[in-house]
PDB file of N, CA and C in Angstrom:
ATOM      1  N   MET A   1     -80.193  76.200 -75.409  1.00  0.00           N
ATOM      2  CA  MET A   1     -79.219  77.052 -74.462  1.00  0.00           C
ATOM      3  C   MET A   1     -78.341  76.953 -73.528  1.00  0.00           C
ATOM      4  N   ASP A   2     -77.078  77.251 -73.608  1.00  0.00           N
ATOM      5  CA  ASP A   2     -75.775  76.981 -72.719  1.00  0.00           C
ATOM      6  C   ASP A   2     -76.635  77.877 -71.048  1.00  0.00           C
ATOM      7  N   LYS A   3     -76.617  76.944 -70.410  1.00  0.00           N
ATOM      8  CA  LYS A   3     -77.273  77.958 -69.013  1.00  0.00           C
ATOM      9  C   LYS A   3     -76.162  78.123 -68.179  1.00  0.00           C
ATOM     10  N   GLU A   4     -75.751  79.300 -67.985  1.00  0.00           N
ATOM     11  CA  GLU A   4     -74.152  80.175 -67.125  1.00  0.00           C
ATOM     12  C   GLU A   4     -74.787  80.965 -66.100  1.00  0.00           C
ATOM     13  N   LYS A   5     -73.995  80.068 -64.998  1.00  0.00           N
ATOM     14  CA  LYS A   5     -74.512  80.432 -63.017  1.00  0.00           C
ATOM     15  C   LYS A   5     -72.849  81.627 -62.833  1.00  0.00           C
ATOM     16  N   THR A   6     -73.752  82.602 -62.238  1.00  0.00           N
ATOM     17  CA  THR A   6     -72.185  83.550 -62.197  1.00  0.00           C
ATOM     18  C   THR A   6     -72.398  83.144 -61.282  1.00  0.00           C
ATOM     19  N   TYR A   7     -71.171  83.847 -60.351  1.00  0.00           N
ATOM     20  CA  TYR A   7     -69.996  83.388 -59.136  1.00  0.00           C
ATOM     21  C   TYR A   7     -69.099  84.817 -58.238  1.00  0.00           C
ATOM     22  N   SER A   8     -69.774  85.378 -57.410  1.00  0.00           N
ATOM     23  CA  SER A   8     -68.945  85.898 -56.950  1.00  0.00           C
ATOM     24  C   SER A   8     -68.206  85.955 -55.670  1.00  0.00           C
ATOM     25  N   ILE A   9     -67.087  86.791 -54.899  1.00  0.00           N
ATOM     26  CA  ILE A   9     -66.417  86.083 -54.019  1.00  0.00           C
ATOM     27  C   ILE A   9     -67.211  86.985 -52.574  1.00  0.00           C
ATOM     28  N   GLU A  10     -67.043  85.658 -51.698  1.00  0.00           N
ATOM     29  CA  GLU A  10     -67.719  86.112 -50.085  1.00  0.00           C
ATOM     30  C   GLU A  10     -66.464  87.349 -49.912  1.00  0.00           C
ATOM     31  N   MET A  11     -67.559  87.499 -48.799  1.00  0.00           N
ATOM     32  CA  MET A  11     -66.921  88.119 -48.193  1.00  0.00           C
ATOM     33  C   MET A  11     -65.440  88.025 -47.458  1.00  0.00           C
ATOM     34  N   ASP A  12     -65.795  87.024 -46.543  1.00  0.00           N
ATOM     35  CA  ASP A  12     -64.198  86.320 -45.965  1.00  0.00           C
ATOM     36  C   ASP A  12     -63.353  84.877 -46.703  1.00  0.00           C
ATOM     37  N   GLU A  13     -63.632  85.223 -48.003  1.00  0.00           N
ATOM     38  CA  GLU A  13     -62.470  84.489 -49.094  1.00  0.00           C
ATOM     39  C   GLU A  13     -61.720  85.233 -49.307  1.00  0.00           C
ATOM     40  N   ASP A  14     -60.338  84.381 -49.915  1.00  0.00           N
ATOM     41  CA  ASP A  14     -58.778  85.371 -50.260  1.00  0.00           C
ATOM     42  C   ASP A  14     -59.557  84.711 -51.569  1.00  0.00           C
ATOM     43  N   TYR A  15     -58.819  85.738 -52.475  1.00  0.00           N
ATOM     44  CA  TYR A  15     -58.609  84.495 -54.028  1.00  0.00           C
ATOM     45  C   TYR A  15     -58.402  83.412 -54.481  1.00  0.00           C
ATOM     46  N   MET A  16     -57.696  82.692 -53.602  1.00  0.00           N
ATOM     47  CA  MET A  16     -57.561  81.319 -54.055  1.00  0.00           C
ATOM     48  C   MET A  16     -58.448  80.312 -53.659  1.00  0.00           C
ATOM     49  N   GLU A  17     -59.236  81.156 -52.651  1.00  0.00           N
ATOM     50  CA  GLU A  17     -60.202  80.143 -52.129  1.00  0.00           C
ATOM     51  C   GLU A  17     -61.081  80.431 -53.116  1.00  0.00           C
ATOM     52  N   PHE A  18     -61.486  81.319 -53.097  1.00  0.00           N
ATOM     53  CA  PHE A  18     -62.653  81.636 -54.297  1.00  0.00           C
ATOM     54  C   PHE A  18     -62.818  80.674 -55.630  1.00  0.00           C
ATOM     55  N   ILE A  19     -61.282  80.958 -56.605  1.00  0.00           N
ATOM     56  CA  ILE A  19     -61.473  80.255 -57.208  1.00  0.00           C
ATOM     57  C   ILE A  19     -62.270  79.039 -57.130  1.00  0.00           C
ATOM     58  N   ARG A  20     -60.985  78.133 -55.793  1.00  0.00           N
ATOM     59  CA  ARG A  20     -61.659  76.385 -55.732  1.00  0.00           C
ATOM     60  C   ARG A  20     -62.663  76.956 -55.473  1.00  0.00           C
ATOM     61  N   ARG A  21     -63.403  76.985 -54.481  1.00  0.00           N
ATOM     62  CA  ARG A  21     -64.793  76.915 -54.477  1.00  0.00           C
ATOM     63  C   ARG A  21     -65.874  77.025 -55.815  1.00  0.00           C
ATOM     64  N   VAL A  22     -65.747  77.901 -57.254  1.00  0.00           N
ATOM     65  CA  VAL A  22     -65.925  77.771 -58.603  1.00  0.00           C
ATOM     66  C   VAL A  22     -65.567  75.802 -58.795  1.00  0.00           C
ATOM     67  N   ILE A  23     -65.011  76.057 -58.735  1.00  0.00           N
ATOM     68  CA  ILE A  23     -63.766  74.866 -59.362  1.00  0.00           C
ATOM     69  C   ILE A  23     -64.970  73.408 -59.314  1.00  0.00           C
ATOM     70  N   ALA A  24     -64.786  73.414 -57.630  1.00  0.00           N
ATOM     71  CA  ALA A  24     -64.902  72.120 -57.375  1.00  0.00           C
ATOM     72  C   ALA A  24     -66.338  72.225 -57.542  1.00  0.00           C
ATOM     73  N   ASP A  25     -67.501  73.049 -57.438  1.00  0.00           N
ATOM     74  CA  ASP A  25     -69.259  72.964 -57.528  1.00  0.00           C
ATOM     75  C   ASP A  25     -68.538  72.339 -58.994  1.00  0.00           C
ATOM     76  N   GLN A  26     -68.094  72.465 -60.379  1.00  0.00           N
ATOM     77  CA  GLN A  26     -68.532  71.919 -61.319  1.00  0.00           C
ATOM     78  C   GLN A  26     -68.288  70.368 -61.545  1.00  0.00           C
ATOM     79  N   ALA A  27     -68.914  69.697 -62.279  1.00  0.00           N
ATOM     80  CA  ALA A  27     -69.334  68.484 -62.827  1.00  0.00           C
ATOM     81  C   ALA A  27     -68.185  67.907 -62.996  1.00  0.00           C
ATOM     82  N   ASP A  28     -67.333  68.459 -64.358  1.00  0.00           N
ATOM     83  CA  ASP A  28     -66.447  68.180 -65.255  1.00  0.00           C
ATOM     84  C   ASP A  28     -65.221  69.424 -64.701  1.00  0.00           C
ATOM     85  N   ARG A  29     -64.205  68.845 -63.416  1.00  0.00           N
ATOM     86  CA  ARG A  29     -63.580  69.129 -63.001  1.00  0.00           C
ATOM     87  C   ARG A  29     -61.752  70.281 -63.119  1.00  0.00           C
ATOM     88  N   GLU A  30     -61.904  68.853 -64.446  1.00  0.00           N
ATOM     89  CA  GLU A  30     -60.620  68.494 -64.733  1.00  0.00           C
ATOM     90  C   GLU A  30     -60.554  69.994 -65.531  1.00  0.00           C
ATOM     91  N   PRO A  31     -60.560  69.753 -66.764  1.00  0.00           N
ATOM     92  CA  PRO A  31     -59.884  70.362 -67.937  1.00  0.00           C
ATOM     93  C   PRO A  31     -60.304  72.359 -66.966  1.00  0.00           C
ATOM     94  N   LEU A  32     -61.461  72.545 -65.940  1.00  0.00           N
ATOM     95  CA  LEU A  32     -60.533  73.810 -65.277  1.00  0.00           C
ATOM     96  C   LEU A  32     -59.543  74.183 -64.539  1.00  0.00           C
ATOM     97  N   ARG A  33     -59.089  73.452 -64.307  1.00  0.00           N
ATOM     98  CA  ARG A  33     -57.715  72.442 -63.008  1.00  0.00           C
ATOM     99  C   ARG A  33     -56.644  73.897 -63.497  1.00  0.00           C
ATOM    100  N   ILE A  34     -56.579  74.533 -64.801  1.00  0.00           N
ATOM    101  CA  ILE A  34     -55.247  74.949 -65.387  1.00  0.00           C
ATOM    102  C   ILE A  34     -55.927  76.571 -64.673  1.00  0.00           C
ATOM    103  N   VAL A  35     -57.015  76.846 -65.069  1.00  0.00           N
ATOM    104  CA  VAL A  35     -57.509  77.878 -64.905  1.00  0.00           C
ATOM    105  C   VAL A  35     -57.093  78.052 -62.880  1.00  0.00           C
ATOM    106  N   GLU A  36     -57.130  77.384 -62.317  1.00  0.00           N
ATOM    107  CA  GLU A  36     -56.390  77.543 -60.438  1.00  0.00           C
ATOM    108  C   GLU A  36     -54.999  78.341 -60.901  1.00  0.00           C
ATOM    109  N   LEU A  37     -54.222  77.466 -61.591  1.00  0.00           N
ATOM    110  CA  LEU A  37     -52.580  77.901 -62.197  1.00  0.00           C
ATOM    111  C   LEU A  37     -52.619  79.667 -62.373  1.00  0.00           C
ATOM    112  N   LEU A  38     -53.789  79.479 -63.537  1.00  0.00           N
ATOM    113  CA  LEU A  38     -53.227  80.694 -64.143  1.00  0.00           C
ATOM    114  C   LEU A  38     -53.590  82.105 -63.147  1.00  0.00           C
ATOM    115  N   VAL A  39     -55.115  81.933 -62.208  1.00  0.00           N
ATOM    116  CA  VAL A  39     -55.701  82.859 -61.394  1.00  0.00           C
ATOM    117  C   VAL A  39     -54.553  82.680 -60.495  1.00  0.00           C
ATOM    118  N   GLU A  40     -53.682  81.856 -59.708  1.00  0.00           N
ATOM    119  CA  GLU A  40     -52.422  82.478 -58.717  1.00  0.00           C
ATOM    120  C   GLU A  40     -51.633  82.744 -59.407  1.00  0.00           C
ATOM    121  N   ILE A  41     -51.203  82.994 -61.533  1.00  0.00           N
ATOM    122  CA  ILE A  41     -50.158  83.677 -61.172  1.00  0.00           C
ATOM    123  C   ILE A  41     -49.889  85.660 -61.606  1.00  0.00           C
ATOM    124  N   ALA A  42     -52.198  84.959 -62.169  1.00  0.00           N
ATOM    125  CA  ALA A  42     -52.502  86.533 -62.061  1.00  0.00           C
ATOM    126  C   ALA A  42     -52.922  87.192 -60.818  1.00  0.00           C
ATOM    127  N   ILE A  43     -53.021  87.220 -59.740  1.00  0.00           N
ATOM    128  CA  ILE A  43     -52.751  87.187 -58.295  1.00  0.00           C
ATOM    129  C   ILE A  43     -51.563  87.840 -57.493  1.00  0.00           C
ATOM    130  N   GLY A  44     -50.739  87.013 -57.931  1.00  0.00           N
ATOM    131  CA  GLY A  44     -49.151  87.091 -57.995  1.00  0.00           C
ATOM    132  C   GLY A  44     -48.208  87.973 -58.262  1.00  0.00           C
ATOM    133  N   GLU A  45     -49.133  88.461 -59.968  1.00  0.00           N
ATOM    134  CA  GLU A  45     -48.388  89.612 -60.315  1.00  0.00           C
ATOM    135  C   GLU A  45     -49.248  90.683 -59.716  1.00  0.00           C
ATOM    136  N   LEU A  46     -49.915  91.018 -59.149  1.00  0.00           N
ATOM    137  CA  LEU A  46     -50.808  91.726 -58.615  1.00  0.00           C
ATOM    138  C   LEU A  46     -50.031  92.700 -56.997  1.00  0.00           C
ATOM    139  N   LYS A  47     -49.036  91.907 -56.733  1.00  0.00           N
ATOM    140  CA  LYS A  47     -48.392  92.353 -55.934  1.00  0.00           C
ATOM    141  C   LYS A  47     -49.695  92.827 -54.953  1.00  0.00           C
ATOM    142  N   ASP A  48     -50.364  91.902 -54.098  1.00  0.00           N
ATOM    143  CA  ASP A  48     -51.096  92.245 -52.956  1.00  0.00           C
ATOM    144  C   ASP A  48     -51.371  93.569 -53.250  1.00  0.00           C
ATOM    145  N   ARG A  49     -52.044  93.723 -54.459  1.00  0.00           N
ATOM    146  CA  ARG A  49     -53.337  95.561 -55.325  1.00  0.00           C
ATOM    147  C   ARG A  49     -54.386  94.437 -55.057  1.00  0.00           C
ATOM    148  N   PRO A  50     -55.082  95.929 -54.596  1.00  0.00           N
ATOM    149  CA  PRO A  50     -56.909  95.132 -54.234  1.00  0.00           C
ATOM    150  C   PRO A  50     -56.730  94.896 -55.601  1.00  0.00           C
ATOM    151  N   CYS A  51     -58.299  93.376 -55.840  1.00  0.00           N
ATOM    152  CA  CYS A  51     -58.886  93.576 -56.931  1.00  0.00           C
ATOM    153  C   CYS A  51     -60.213  92.816 -56.786  1.00  0.00           C
ATOM    154  N   ASP A  52     -61.192  92.937 -57.979  1.00  0.00           N
ATOM    155  CA  ASP A  52     -62.525  92.122 -57.837  1.00  0.00           C
ATOM    156  C   ASP A  52     -62.136  91.005 -59.111  1.00  0.00           C
ATOM    157  N   ILE A  53     -63.235  90.397 -58.085  1.00  0.00           N
ATOM    158  CA  ILE A  53     -63.246  88.389 -58.850  1.00  0.00           C
ATOM    159  C   ILE A  53     -64.298  87.918 -58.945  1.00  0.00           C
ATOM    160  N   SER A  54     -64.437  87.674 -60.616  1.00  0.00           N
ATOM    161  CA  SER A  54     -66.364  86.654 -60.278  1.00  0.00           C
ATOM    162  C   SER A  54     -65.852  85.591 -61.771  1.00  0.00           C
ATOM    163  N   ALA A  55     -66.382  84.855 -61.364  1.00  0.00           N
ATOM    164  CA  ALA A  55     -66.721  83.717 -62.940  1.00  0.00           C
ATOM    165  C   ALA A  55     -67.858  83.559 -63.194  1.00  0.00           C
ATOM    166  N   VAL A  56     -67.915  82.606 -64.006  1.00  0.00           N
ATOM    167  CA  VAL A  56     -69.432  83.432 -64.965  1.00  0.00           C
ATOM    168  C   VAL A  56     -69.186  81.420 -65.830  1.00  0.00           C
ATOM    169  N   VAL A  57     -69.923  80.587 -65.195  1.00  0.00           N
ATOM    170  CA  VAL A  57     -69.674  78.866 -65.852  1.00  0.00           C
ATOM    171  C   VAL A  57     -70.467  78.390 -66.323  1.00  0.00           C
ATOM    172  N   SER A  58     -70.604  77.714 -67.215  1.00  0.00           N
ATOM    173  CA  SER A  58     -71.390  76.885 -68.297  1.00  0.00           C
ATOM    174  C   SER A  58     -70.829  75.677 -68.195  1.00  0.00           C
ATOM    175  N   ASP A  59     -71.991  74.558 -69.001  1.00  0.00           N
ATOM    176  CA  ASP A  59     -71.294  73.001 -69.338  1.00  0.00           C
ATOM    177  C   ASP A  59     -70.272  73.291 -70.177  1.00  0.00           C
ATOM    178  N   GLU A  60     -69.775  74.011 -70.875  1.00  0.00           N
ATOM    179  CA  GLU A  60     -68.955  74.591 -71.952  1.00  0.00           C
ATOM    180  C   GLU A  60     -67.837  75.221 -72.093  1.00  0.00           C
ATOM    181  N   ARG A  61     -68.569  76.595 -70.780  1.00  0.00           N
ATOM    182  CA  ARG A  61     -66.833  77.025 -70.359  1.00  0.00           C
ATOM    183  C   ARG A  61     -66.352  77.670 -68.806  1.00  0.00           C
ATOM    184  N   MET A  62     -65.373  77.924 -68.488  1.00  0.00           N
ATOM    185  CA  MET A  62     -65.491  78.874 -67.237  1.00  0.00           C
ATOM    186  C   MET A  62     -64.849  80.754 -67.783  1.00  0.00           C
ATOM    187  N   LYS A  63     -65.127  81.429 -67.316  1.00  0.00           N
ATOM    188  CA  LYS A  63     -64.397  82.392 -67.820  1.00  0.00           C
ATOM    189  C   LYS A  63     -64.737  82.782 -66.216  1.00  0.00           C
ATOM    190  N   VAL A  64     -63.080  83.575 -66.154  1.00  0.00           N
ATOM    191  CA  VAL A  64     -62.680  83.980 -65.089  1.00  0.00           C
ATOM    192  C   VAL A  64     -62.652  85.777 -65.276  1.00  0.00           C
ATOM    193  N   THR A  65     -62.819  86.705 -64.615  1.00  0.00           N
ATOM    194  CA  THR A  65     -62.494  87.874 -65.184  1.00  0.00           C
ATOM    195  C   THR A  65     -62.252  89.047 -63.573  1.00  0.00           C
ATOM    196  N   ILE A  66     -60.789  89.651 -63.560  1.00  0.00           N
ATOM    197  CA  ILE A  66     -60.338  90.045 -62.409  1.00  0.00           C
ATOM    198  C   ILE A  66     -60.114  91.645 -63.033  1.00  0.00           C
ATOM    199  N   ARG A  67     -60.454  92.432 -62.678  1.00  0.00           N
ATOM    200  CA  ARG A  67     -60.471  93.549 -62.449  1.00  0.00           C
ATOM    201  C   ARG A  67     -59.613  94.471 -61.366  1.00  0.00           C
ATOM    202  N   HIS A  68     -58.807  94.992 -62.024  1.00  0.00           N
ATOM    203  CA  HIS A  68     -58.349  95.637 -60.905  1.00  0.00           C
ATOM    204  C   HIS A  68     -58.039  96.996 -61.176  1.00  0.00           C
ATOM    205  N   LYS A  69     -56.808  97.941 -60.307  1.00  0.00           N
ATOM    206  CA  LYS A  69     -56.438  99.798 -61.000  1.00  0.00           C
ATOM    207  C   LYS A  69     -54.600 100.086 -60.308  1.00  0.00           C
ATOM    208  N   GLY A  70     -54.091 100.391 -60.691  1.00  0.00           N
ATOM    209  CA  GLY A  70     -53.215 100.747 -61.071  1.00  0.00           C
ATOM    210  C   GLY A  70     -51.869 100.359 -61.780  1.00  0.00           C
ATOM    211  N   LYS A  71     -50.451  99.651 -62.210  1.00  0.00           N
ATOM    212  CA  LYS A  71     -49.987  99.304 -62.812  1.00  0.00           C
ATOM    213  C   LYS A  71     -50.480  98.526 -63.090  1.00  0.00           C
ATOM    214  N   PRO A  72     -50.202  97.157 -64.577  1.00  0.00           N
ATOM    215  CA  PRO A  72     -50.540  96.629 -65.829  1.00  0.00           C
ATOM    216  C   PRO A  72     -49.949  95.334 -65.400  1.00  0.00           C
ATOM    217  N   ILE A  73     -50.431  94.204 -65.075  1.00  0.00           N
ATOM    218  CA  ILE A  73     -49.819  93.492 -65.422  1.00  0.00           C
ATOM    219  C   ILE A  73     -48.450  92.931 -65.982  1.00  0.00           C
ATOM    220  N   ASP A  74     -47.479  92.183 -66.033  1.00  0.00           N
ATOM    221  CA  ASP A  74     -46.640  92.327 -66.995  1.00  0.00           C
ATOM    222  C   ASP A  74     -47.190  91.413 -68.203  1.00  0.00           C
ATOM    223  N   GLU A  75     -46.759  92.214 -69.256  1.00  0.00           N
ATOM    224  CA  GLU A  75     -47.489  91.791 -70.881  1.00  0.00           C
ATOM    225  C   GLU A  75     -46.925  90.343 -71.251  1.00  0.00           C
ATOM    226  N   ARG A  76     -45.281  89.445 -70.843  1.00  0.00           N
ATOM    227  CA  ARG A  76     -44.809  88.065 -70.752  1.00  0.00           C
ATOM    228  C   ARG A  76     -45.422  87.719 -70.186  1.00  0.00           C
ATOM    229  N   MET A  77     -46.610  87.654 -68.782  1.00  0.00           N
ATOM    230  CA  MET A  77     -47.057  87.291 -67.676  1.00  0.00           C
ATOM    231  C   MET A  77     -48.296  86.519 -68.891  1.00  0.00           C
ATOM    232  N   VAL A  78     -49.531  87.779 -69.195  1.00  0.00           N
ATOM    233  CA  VAL A  78     -50.460  87.884 -70.047  1.00  0.00           C
ATOM    234  C   VAL A  78     -50.456  86.543 -71.323  1.00  0.00           C
ATOM    235  N   CYS A  79     -49.027  87.282 -71.615  1.00  0.00           N
ATOM    236  CA  CYS A  79     -48.706  85.764 -72.620  1.00  0.00           C
ATOM    237  C   CYS A  79     -48.452  84.077 -72.457  1.00  0.00           C
ATOM    238  N   VAL A  80     -47.867  83.869 -71.344  1.00  0.00           N
ATOM    239  CA  VAL A  80     -48.223  82.366 -70.851  1.00  0.00           C
ATOM    240  C   VAL A  80     -49.246  81.974 -70.636  1.00  0.00           C
ATOM    241  N   MET A  81     -49.590  83.210 -69.071  1.00  0.00           N
ATOM    242  CA  MET A  81     -51.123  82.479 -69.560  1.00  0.00           C
ATOM    243  C   MET A  81     -52.137  82.030 -71.000  1.00  0.00           C
ATOM    244  N   ASP A  82     -51.934  83.338 -71.804  1.00  0.00           N
ATOM    245  CA  ASP A  82     -52.826  82.820 -72.866  1.00  0.00           C
ATOM    246  C   ASP A  82     -51.965  81.697 -73.435  1.00  0.00           C
ATOM    247  N   ASP A  83     -51.126  80.943 -73.278  1.00  0.00           N
ATOM    248  CA  ASP A  83     -50.076  79.911 -73.682  1.00  0.00           C
ATOM    249  C   ASP A  83     -50.953  78.462 -73.516  1.00  0.00           C
ATOM    250  N   HIS A  84     -51.943  79.194 -72.067  1.00  0.00           N
ATOM    251  CA  HIS A  84     -51.990  77.950 -71.939  1.00  0.00           C
ATOM    252  C   HIS A  84     -53.426  77.400 -71.533  1.00  0.00           C
ATOM    253  N   THR A  85     -54.390  78.324 -71.632  1.00  0.00           N
ATOM    254  CA  THR A  85     -55.581  78.056 -71.222  1.00  0.00           C
ATOM    255  C   THR A  85     -56.253  78.426 -73.114  1.00  0.00           C
ATOM    256  N   ASP A  86     -57.242  79.143 -73.211  1.00  0.00           N
ATOM    257  CA  ASP A  86     -58.210  78.708 -74.638  1.00  0.00           C
ATOM    258  C   ASP A  86     -57.930  80.210 -74.673  1.00  0.00           C
ATOM    259  N   ARG A  87     -59.149  80.973 -74.044  1.00  0.00           N
ATOM    260  CA  ARG A  87     -58.267  82.800 -74.442  1.00  0.00           C
ATOM    261  C   ARG A  87     -57.707  83.881 -73.187  1.00  0.00           C
ATOM    262  N   VAL A  88     -57.042  84.339 -73.156  1.00  0.00           N
ATOM    263  CA  VAL A  88     -57.018  85.323 -72.134  1.00  0.00           C
ATOM    264  C   VAL A  88     -56.867  86.994 -72.764  1.00  0.00           C
ATOM    265  N   ASP A  89     -57.420  87.876 -72.305  1.00  0.00           N
ATOM    266  CA  ASP A  89     -58.197  89.384 -72.869  1.00  0.00           C
ATOM    267  C   ASP A  89     -57.389  90.215 -72.002  1.00  0.00           C
ATOM    268  N   TYR A  90     -57.131  91.670 -72.188  1.00  0.00           N
ATOM    269  CA  TYR A  90     -56.426  91.630 -71.286  1.00  0.00           C
ATOM    270  C   TYR A  90     -56.341  93.382 -71.394  1.00  0.00           C
ATOM    271  N   LYS A  91     -57.096  93.668 -70.736  1.00  0.00           N
ATOM    272  CA  LYS A  91     -56.931  95.823 -71.281  1.00  0.00           C
ATOM    273  C   LYS A  91     -57.650  96.352 -70.229  1.00  0.00           C
ATOM    274  N   SER A  92     -58.102  97.849 -70.391  1.00  0.00           N
ATOM    275  CA  SER A  92     -57.545  98.351 -70.062  1.00  0.00           C
ATOM    276  C   SER A  92     -59.242  99.305 -69.991  1.00  0.00           C
ATOM    277  N   ASP A  93     -60.059  99.302 -69.045  1.00  0.00           N
ATOM    278  CA  ASP A  93     -61.364  99.402 -69.410  1.00  0.00           C
ATOM    279  C   ASP A  93     -61.627 101.370 -69.601  1.00  0.00           C
ATOM    280  N   GLY A  94     -60.639 101.515 -70.210  1.00  0.00           N
ATOM    281  CA  GLY A  94     -60.853 103.031 -70.930  1.00  0.00           C
ATOM    282  C   GLY A  94     -60.049 104.717 -69.254  1.00  0.00           C
ATOM    283  N   ASP A  95     -59.933 104.078 -68.386  1.00  0.00           N
ATOM    284  CA  ASP A  95     -59.382 104.902 -67.623  1.00  0.00           C
ATOM    285  C   ASP A  95     -57.826 103.729 -67.638  1.00  0.00           C
ATOM    286  N   THR A  96     -56.797 104.712 -67.586  1.00  0.00           N
ATOM    287  CA  THR A  96     -55.779 104.271 -68.155  1.00  0.00           C
ATOM    288  C   THR A  96     -55.297 103.672 -66.787  1.00  0.00           C
ATOM    289  N   ASP A  97     -55.984 103.791 -65.421  1.00  0.00           N
ATOM    290  CA  ASP A  97     -56.057 103.011 -64.338  1.00  0.00           C
ATOM    291  C   ASP A  97     -56.264 101.618 -63.658  1.00  0.00           C
ATOM    292  N   ASN A  98     -57.283 101.218 -64.635  1.00  0.00           N
ATOM    293  CA  ASN A  98     -58.222 100.579 -64.500  1.00  0.00           C
ATOM    294  C   ASN A  98     -58.053  99.735 -65.405  1.00  0.00           C
ATOM    295  N   TRP A  99     -57.869  98.017 -65.101  1.00  0.00           N
ATOM    296  CA  TRP A  99     -57.815  97.020 -65.172  1.00  0.00           C
ATOM    297  C   TRP A  99     -58.663  96.008 -65.739  1.00  0.00           C
ATOM    298  N   ILE A 100     -58.386  95.094 -67.052  1.00  0.00           N
ATOM    299  CA  ILE A 100     -59.875  94.187 -67.013  1.00  0.00           C
ATOM    300  C   ILE A 100     -59.100  92.802 -67.373  1.00  0.00           C
ATOM    301  N   LEU A 101     -58.534  92.051 -66.330  1.00  0.00           N
ATOM    302  CA  LEU A 101     -58.010  90.463 -67.434  1.00  0.00           C
ATOM    303  C   LEU A 101     -59.385  89.681 -67.145  1.00  0.00           C
ATOM    304  N   THR A 102     -59.518  89.125 -68.243  1.00  0.00           N
ATOM    305  CA  THR A 102     -60.553  87.800 -68.070  1.00  0.00           C
ATOM    306  C   THR A 102     -59.611  86.375 -68.953  1.00  0.00           C
ATOM    307  N   ILE A 103     -60.161  85.496 -68.559  1.00  0.00           N
ATOM    308  CA  ILE A 103     -59.583  84.501 -68.287  1.00  0.00           C
ATOM    309  C   ILE A 103     -60.517  82.837 -69.207  1.00  0.00           C
ATOM    310  N   ARG A 104     -60.617  82.276 -70.295  1.00  0.00           N
ATOM    311  CA  ARG A 104     -61.331  81.426 -70.363  1.00  0.00           C
ATOM    312  C   ARG A 104     -61.149  80.378 -70.975  1.00  0.00           C
ATOM    313  N   ARG A 105     -61.313  79.430 -70.345  1.00  0.00           N
ATOM    314  CA  ARG A 105     -61.976  77.309 -70.707  1.00  0.00           C
ATOM    315  C   ARG A 105     -62.447  77.117 -71.024  1.00  0.00           C
ATOM    316  N   ASP A 106     -62.627  76.345 -72.324  1.00  0.00           N
ATOM    317  CA  ASP A 106     -63.075  75.627 -72.790  1.00  0.00           C
ATOM    318  C   ASP A 106     -63.331  74.871 -72.251  1.00  0.00           C
ATOM    319  N   VAL A 107     -64.506  74.599 -72.104  1.00  0.00           N
ATOM    320  CA  VAL A 107     -64.885  71.967 -71.644  1.00  0.00           C
ATOM    321  C   VAL A 107     -65.168  71.392 -72.536  1.00  0.00           C
ATOM    322  N   PRO A 108     -63.788  70.983 -72.875  1.00  0.00           N
ATOM    323  CA  PRO A 108     -64.684  69.884 -74.237  1.00  0.00           C
ATOM    324  C   PRO A 108     -65.763  68.799 -74.435  1.00  0.00           C
ATOM    325  N   PRO A 109     -65.622  68.996 -74.772  1.00  0.00           N
ATOM    326  CA  PRO A 109     -67.408  67.400 -75.416  1.00  0.00           C
ATOM    327  C   PRO A 109     -66.812  66.529 -74.745  1.00  0.00           C
ATOM    328  N   PRO A 110     -67.011  64.895 -73.338  1.00  0.00           N
ATOM    329  CA  PRO A 110     -66.827  64.192 -73.513  1.00  0.00           C
ATOM    330  C   PRO A 110     -66.346  63.180 -74.368  1.00  0.00           C
ATOM    331  N   PHE A 111     -64.831  62.925 -74.502  1.00  0.00           N
ATOM    332  CA  PHE A 111     -64.117  62.304 -75.347  1.00  0.00           C
ATOM    333  C   PHE A 111     -65.176  60.693 -76.064  1.00  0.00           C
ATOM    334  N   ILE A 112     -65.282  60.510 -77.524  1.00  0.00           N
ATOM    335  CA  ILE A 112     -65.666  59.174 -78.554  1.00  0.00           C
ATOM    336  C   ILE A 112     -64.541  58.168 -77.916  1.00  0.00           C
ATOM    337  N   THR A 113     -64.679  57.356 -77.396  1.00  0.00           N
ATOM    338  CA  THR A 113     -64.134  55.920 -77.656  1.00  0.00           C
ATOM    339  C   THR A 113     -64.341  55.412 -79.434  1.00  0.00           C
ATOM    340  N   ARG A 114     -62.926  55.327 -79.588  1.00  0.00           N
ATOM    341  CA  ARG A 114     -63.513  54.701 -81.117  1.00  0.00           C
ATOM    342  C   ARG A 114     -63.421  53.230 -81.199  1.00  0.00           C
ATOM    343  N   HIS A 115     -63.654  52.559 -81.180  1.00  0.00           N
ATOM    344  CA  HIS A 115     -63.820  50.239 -81.345  1.00  0.00           C
ATOM    345  C   HIS A 115     -62.224  50.494 -82.033  1.00  0.00           C
ATOM    346  N   HIS A 116     -61.949  49.636 -81.935  1.00  0.00           N
ATOM    347  CA  HIS A 116     -60.949  48.848 -83.056  1.00  0.00           C
ATOM    348  C   HIS A 116     -61.305  47.372 -83.522  1.00  0.00           C
ATOM    349  N   PHE A 117     -62.127  47.839 -84.532  1.00  0.00           N
ATOM    350  CA  PHE A 117     -62.417  46.418 -84.965  1.00  0.00           C
ATOM    351  C   PHE A 117     -60.986  45.433 -85.994  1.00  0.00           C
ATOM    352  N   ARG A 118     -60.643  44.261 -85.255  1.00  0.00           N
ATOM    353  CA  ARG A 118     -60.199  43.228 -85.826  1.00  0.00           C
ATOM    354  C   ARG A 118     -60.836  42.689 -87.498  1.00  0.00           C
TER     355      ARG A 118
END
């Protein structure tokens, strides 16, 4: 079974420092770099509204969850984020003022190189 590690933001950390720390802690960072950009878009859309951010990472995927209150993120921006990663879910948590954005990036297995025979 794939072991997961959960990350939480530290008291003195801003959202982008948090996501950079999580990515830096991974052995295979390159496929996760897009997540940093998508979180930056999401945080920019929130326009300084407070939010809660966390991440769960395994060898197979990274999942970032952002919870916030107030006006939802523009649906077009959510679609743009979804176009650039493996899965984006954005929904109300049941209360029309509370929103949950989940960004998931799957880590592809190492490439198997083919040898061309002559």
